[in-house]
Amino acid sequence: MQETAKAVGALGRAAGLERAARQRSGWYARYLWAFAAGQLGLAPIAVLWHGPVSAVVFAVTNALLVTGLSVYAARQRVMRRGFGVKHGVMMGSWATVFALTITVGTAVFGHGVPFAAVGALACALAPAVGAWTEMRGAV
């Protein structure tokens, strides 16, 4: 009987921790919204600009975005169950779309503005969908 009470207590504590993690996981949605917003600027820079100046601007802007988001993520105390898989799928999806946007935008469309706009939206889509699903799951 005592083992049953201990097990019930442990399950109750685990459920409480899961509930707290779900309620405090809104930080990841904010992280993804910032990442999506960054794509609206980074993708057009990568597709439209030429030469070493564009490479420096792109590298510095990307480094600032990644560093800021990494510091923000490292300061968070709570991560939900399945966070690593969700983040990996989201980043893999984004990386695939970003690589296709840069490759197709420079090779096929010749640095065209309409393609850069569509590519920026496509690059922002994966993190925006991730943020939306994270907001729904945090409630």
Protein backbone atom coordinates (compact mmCIF):
# COMPACT_ATOMS: atom_id res chain seq x y z
CA MET A 1 0.00 0.00 0.00
CA GLN A 2 2.84 2.39 0.81
CA GLU A 3 4.51 1.73 -2.58
CA THR A 4 1.23 2.59 -4.31
CA ALA A 5 1.04 5.91 -2.47
CA LYS A 6 4.65 6.70 -3.42
CA ALA A 7 3.95 5.86 -7.06
CA VAL A 8 0.82 8.01 -7.10
CA GLY A 9 2.76 10.87 -5.53
CA ALA A 10 5.57 10.55 -8.07
CA LEU A 11 3.09 10.52 -10.96
CA GLY A 12 1.38 13.60 -9.52
CA ARG A 13 4.71 15.45 -9.29
CA ALA A 14 5.58 14.42 -12.86
CA ALA A 15 2.21 15.67 -14.11
CA GLY A 16 2.75 18.94 -12.27
CA LEU A 17 6.18 19.40 -13.84
CA GLU A 18 4.79 18.66 -17.29
CA ARG A 19 1.99 21.18 -16.75
CA ALA A 20 4.49 23.83 -15.60
CA ALA A 21 6.75 23.14 -18.57
CA ARG A 22 3.82 23.47 -20.97
CA GLN A 23 2.72 26.77 -19.40
CA ARG A 24 6.24 28.22 -19.45
CA SER A 25 7.18 27.09 -22.95
CA GLY A 26 5.93 30.29 -24.57
CA TRP A 27 9.55 31.38 -24.80
CA TYR A 28 10.07 28.98 -27.70
CA ALA A 29 7.20 30.52 -29.64
CA ARG A 30 8.78 33.97 -29.18
CA TYR A 31 12.13 32.51 -30.29
CA LEU A 32 10.56 31.12 -33.46
CA TRP A 33 8.67 34.34 -34.25
CA ALA A 34 11.96 36.27 -34.01
CA PHE A 35 13.67 33.70 -36.22
CA ALA A 36 10.84 33.94 -38.79
CA ALA A 37 11.08 37.74 -38.79
CA GLY A 38 14.82 37.48 -39.35
CA GLN A 39 14.22 35.37 -42.44
CA LEU A 40 12.22 38.17 -44.01
CA GLY A 41 15.46 40.17 -44.10
CA LEU A 42 18.12 37.48 -44.50
CA ALA A 43 16.66 35.61 -47.46
CA PRO A 44 16.39 38.71 -49.70
CA ILE A 45 19.93 39.76 -48.73
CA ALA A 46 21.24 36.35 -49.75
CA VAL A 47 19.31 36.27 -53.04
CA LEU A 48 19.56 39.89 -54.23
CA TRP A 49 22.93 41.25 -53.18
CA HIS A 50 26.22 40.52 -54.92
CA GLY A 51 29.87 40.69 -53.93
CA PRO A 52 31.89 40.80 -50.75
CA VAL A 53 29.86 43.56 -49.09
CA SER A 54 26.72 41.45 -49.27
CA ALA A 55 28.59 38.48 -47.83
CA VAL A 56 29.78 40.56 -44.88
CA VAL A 57 26.35 42.10 -44.24
CA PHE A 58 24.71 38.67 -44.48
CA ALA A 59 27.28 37.04 -42.18
CA VAL A 60 27.11 39.79 -39.54
CA THR A 61 23.31 39.95 -39.61
CA ASN A 62 23.00 36.18 -39.42
CA ALA A 63 25.59 35.98 -36.61
CA LEU A 64 23.72 38.62 -34.60
CA LEU A 65 20.41 36.82 -35.08
CA VAL A 66 21.80 33.41 -34.16
CA THR A 67 23.82 34.74 -31.21
CA GLY A 68 20.89 36.69 -29.80
CA LEU A 69 18.52 33.76 -30.14
CA SER A 70 21.07 31.33 -28.71
CA VAL A 71 21.66 33.50 -25.64
CA TYR A 72 17.90 33.85 -25.22
CA ALA A 73 17.36 30.08 -25.51
CA ALA A 74 20.21 29.25 -23.12
CA ARG A 75 18.67 31.44 -20.42
CA GLN A 76 15.38 29.54 -20.45
CA ARG A 77 14.77 27.07 -17.63
CA VAL A 78 11.96 25.02 -19.13
CA MET A 79 11.81 22.78 -22.18
CA ARG A 80 8.83 20.60 -23.00
CA ARG A 81 9.01 16.92 -23.72
CA GLY A 82 9.79 16.37 -27.38
CA PHE A 83 11.48 19.77 -27.74
CA GLY A 84 14.62 18.39 -29.39
CA VAL A 85 12.70 16.52 -32.07
CA LYS A 86 10.39 19.45 -32.79
CA HIS A 87 13.28 21.90 -33.00
CA GLY A 88 15.29 19.52 -35.20
CA VAL A 89 12.41 19.04 -37.65
CA MET A 90 11.72 22.77 -37.77
CA MET A 91 15.39 23.69 -38.33
CA GLY A 92 15.81 20.93 -40.93
CA SER A 93 12.74 22.18 -42.79
CA TRP A 94 13.98 25.75 -42.65
CA ALA A 95 17.50 24.79 -43.81
CA THR A 96 16.10 22.88 -46.78
CA VAL A 97 13.86 25.75 -47.87
CA PHE A 98 16.63 28.31 -47.28
CA ALA A 99 19.15 26.32 -49.36
CA LEU A 100 16.62 25.87 -52.17
CA THR A 101 15.73 29.55 -52.08
CA ILE A 102 19.34 30.65 -52.37
CA THR A 103 20.23 28.08 -55.02
CA VAL A 104 17.17 28.56 -57.19
CA GLY A 105 17.04 32.31 -56.62
CA THR A 106 20.58 32.90 -57.80
CA ALA A 107 20.89 30.20 -60.48
CA VAL A 108 17.46 30.22 -62.11
CA PHE A 109 15.83 33.57 -61.37
CA GLY A 110 18.96 35.70 -61.62
CA HIS A 111 18.54 37.54 -58.32
CA GLY A 112 14.95 38.56 -59.11
CA VAL A 113 13.03 40.67 -56.60
CA PRO A 114 9.72 38.76 -56.95
CA PHE A 115 11.48 35.47 -56.25
CA ALA A 116 13.34 37.00 -53.30
CA ALA A 117 10.02 38.10 -51.78
CA VAL A 118 8.44 34.67 -52.24
CA GLY A 119 11.63 33.00 -50.97
CA ALA A 120 11.66 35.16 -47.85
CA LEU A 121 8.09 34.16 -47.07
CA ALA A 122 8.91 30.51 -47.72
CA CYS A 123 11.93 30.70 -45.39
CA ALA A 124 9.82 32.32 -42.66
CA LEU A 125 7.07 29.70 -43.00
CA ALA A 126 8.71 26.83 -41.07
CA PRO A 127 9.53 28.88 -37.95
CA ALA A 128 6.15 30.66 -38.12
CA VAL A 129 4.28 27.34 -38.24
CA GLY A 130 6.48 26.06 -35.40
CA ALA A 131 5.69 29.15 -33.32
CA TRP A 132 1.98 28.82 -34.00
CA THR A 133 1.91 25.14 -32.98
CA GLU A 134 3.99 25.92 -29.88
CA MET A 135 1.54 28.64 -28.85
CA ARG A 136 -1.36 26.21 -29.26
CA GLY A 137 0.45 23.54 -27.23
CA ALA A 138 1.38 25.91 -24.41
CA VAL A 139 -2.23 26.55 -23.45
